[in-house]
C-alpha cells in the first residue's frame, strides 16, 4: 500500500507558476521499477497526463506541456513536485499525483492515486 497526498496552493494567478508537491508514504520513490506521475482533469473534460519522474530520476513530459513542465523530487522527504509555468485559466483542473507500475522498458499501469487537489487559475 502506497498512499499519495497532493499539496499546494489552490489558487494561482495567470502567468505565475503552479507548484504542487506529492508526498508518498509506505514506499520509496526510488524503488525499482516505479514511475511517479502527474495527471490533471479540467472541468468537464477527460484526464490529461502531464508527465512523470521515474525511480531513477529520469523525467518525461507530455509533448503538449513539455515546454512549461518540470517534475523534480526530494528523495530525503520522499516527495516529488510538479511545476507548471506561465499558467492560464486553461490550466484550471483537479491535479492528481499517482504511481505507475512498470519496468526497465517504462511505465505500464497505474496502481495508486492521490485524492486530487483543485487548482484554479484566476486573477
Protein backbone atom coordinates (compact mmCIF):
# COMPACT_ATOMS: atom_id res chain seq x y z
CA UNK A 1 0.00 0.00 0.00
CA UNK A 2 1.39 3.37 -1.08
CA UNK A 3 -0.66 6.43 -0.11
CA UNK A 4 -0.04 9.65 -2.01
CA UNK A 5 -1.05 13.14 -0.95
CA UNK A 6 -1.03 16.28 -3.07
CA UNK A 7 -0.41 19.67 -1.52
CA UNK A 8 -0.03 23.23 -2.74
CA UNK A 9 -1.98 26.41 -3.32
CA UNK A 10 -5.46 26.09 -4.75
CA UNK A 11 -5.40 29.45 -6.48
CA UNK A 12 -2.73 30.67 -8.89
CA UNK A 13 -2.67 33.88 -10.86
CA UNK A 14 -2.21 33.87 -14.63
CA UNK A 15 1.42 33.96 -15.78
CA UNK A 16 2.62 32.54 -12.47
CA UNK A 17 4.00 29.08 -11.82
CA UNK A 18 1.79 26.35 -10.46
CA UNK A 19 3.64 24.26 -7.91
CA UNK A 20 2.31 21.10 -6.30
CA UNK A 21 4.00 18.54 -4.11
CA UNK A 22 3.14 14.88 -3.75
CA UNK A 23 4.13 13.21 -0.53
CA UNK A 24 4.50 9.45 -0.76
CA UNK A 25 4.06 7.16 2.23
CA UNK A 26 4.64 3.45 2.57
CA UNK A 27 7.25 3.16 -0.15
CA UNK A 28 10.32 4.87 -1.52
CA UNK A 29 10.12 6.89 -4.71
CA UNK A 30 13.46 5.40 -5.70
CA UNK A 31 12.22 1.81 -5.64
CA UNK A 32 12.50 -0.18 -8.86
CA UNK A 33 10.51 -0.02 -11.11
CA UNK A 34 8.00 2.69 -10.36
CA UNK A 35 7.15 5.92 -12.11
CA UNK A 36 5.68 8.90 -10.30
CA UNK A 37 3.19 10.72 -12.41
CA UNK A 38 1.06 13.85 -12.53
CA UNK A 39 -2.33 13.85 -14.23
CA UNK A 40 -5.00 16.53 -14.38
CA UNK A 41 -8.67 16.80 -15.25
CA UNK A 42 -10.06 20.16 -16.38
CA UNK A 43 -13.73 20.86 -15.66
CA UNK A 44 -15.96 18.88 -17.99
CA UNK A 45 -13.02 17.23 -19.72
CA UNK A 46 -11.13 13.99 -19.56
CA UNK A 47 -7.92 13.11 -17.83
CA UNK A 48 -4.74 14.57 -19.24
CA UNK A 49 -1.37 13.11 -18.48
CA UNK A 50 1.28 15.68 -17.64
CA UNK A 51 4.47 13.75 -17.03
CA UNK A 52 6.43 11.56 -14.68
CA UNK A 53 9.65 11.16 -12.81
CA UNK A 54 10.97 7.63 -12.69
CA UNK A 55 12.57 5.73 -9.85
CA UNK A 56 15.88 6.59 -11.48
CA UNK A 57 15.15 10.31 -11.53
CA UNK A 58 14.58 10.44 -15.28
CA UNK A 59 11.68 12.60 -16.42
CA UNK A 60 9.31 12.56 -19.35
CA UNK A 61 6.60 15.07 -20.19
CA UNK A 62 3.56 15.29 -22.39
CA UNK A 63 4.62 16.91 -25.65
CA UNK A 64 1.81 19.44 -25.35
CA UNK A 65 3.05 20.64 -21.96
CA UNK A 66 6.75 19.90 -22.12
CA UNK A 67 7.84 23.48 -22.60
CA UNK A 68 6.14 24.56 -19.39
CA UNK A 69 6.56 21.49 -17.18
CA UNK A 70 9.17 20.47 -14.68
CA UNK A 71 8.94 17.49 -12.35
CA UNK A 72 11.53 17.06 -9.65
CA UNK A 73 11.95 15.08 -6.47
CA UNK A 74 13.33 15.25 -2.97
CA UNK A 75 14.31 11.74 -2.03
CA UNK A 76 15.09 12.69 1.57
CA UNK A 77 11.44 13.70 2.00
CA UNK A 78 10.05 11.06 -0.34
CA UNK A 79 8.31 13.76 -2.33
CA UNK A 80 8.02 14.77 -5.93
CA UNK A 81 6.95 18.14 -7.24
CA UNK A 82 5.17 19.50 -10.28
CA UNK A 83 5.92 22.96 -11.59
CA UNK A 84 3.86 24.30 -14.46
CA UNK A 85 4.92 27.74 -15.59
CA UNK A 86 3.10 30.56 -17.37
CA UNK A 87 -0.31 29.29 -16.38
CA UNK A 88 -3.58 30.47 -17.88
CA UNK A 89 -7.20 29.77 -16.93
CA UNK A 90 -7.00 26.77 -19.27
CA UNK A 91 -4.77 25.14 -16.66
CA UNK A 92 -7.58 25.10 -14.12
CA UNK A 93 -8.11 21.47 -13.17
CA UNK A 94 -8.04 18.86 -10.49
CA UNK A 95 -4.46 17.66 -10.28
CA UNK A 96 -3.56 14.14 -9.22
CA UNK A 97 -0.30 12.51 -8.38
CA UNK A 98 -0.06 8.79 -8.87
CA UNK A 99 2.23 5.81 -9.09
CA UNK A 100 2.70 3.80 -12.24
CA UNK A 101 3.92 0.25 -12.20
CA UNK A 102 6.47 -0.53 -14.82
CA UNK A 103 9.83 -1.99 -15.65
CA UNK A 104 13.03 -1.16 -17.41
CA UNK A 105 11.07 -0.51 -20.60
CA UNK A 106 8.96 2.19 -18.98
CA UNK A 107 5.63 2.73 -17.22
CA UNK A 108 2.82 0.23 -17.72
CA UNK A 109 -0.19 0.70 -15.47
CA UNK A 110 -1.40 2.95 -12.67
CA UNK A 111 -1.81 1.37 -9.28
CA UNK A 112 -2.08 4.17 -6.71
CA UNK A 113 -3.61 7.65 -6.87
CA UNK A 114 -3.73 10.63 -4.61
CA UNK A 115 -7.03 12.22 -3.67
CA UNK A 116 -6.53 15.06 -6.12
CA UNK A 117 -6.38 18.77 -5.48
CA UNK A 118 -8.27 21.56 -7.18
CA UNK A 119 -6.15 24.30 -8.71
CA UNK A 120 -7.84 27.37 -10.13
CA UNK A 121 -6.01 29.85 -12.31
CA UNK A 122 -7.68 33.21 -11.97
CA UNK A 123 -6.95 36.84 -11.29
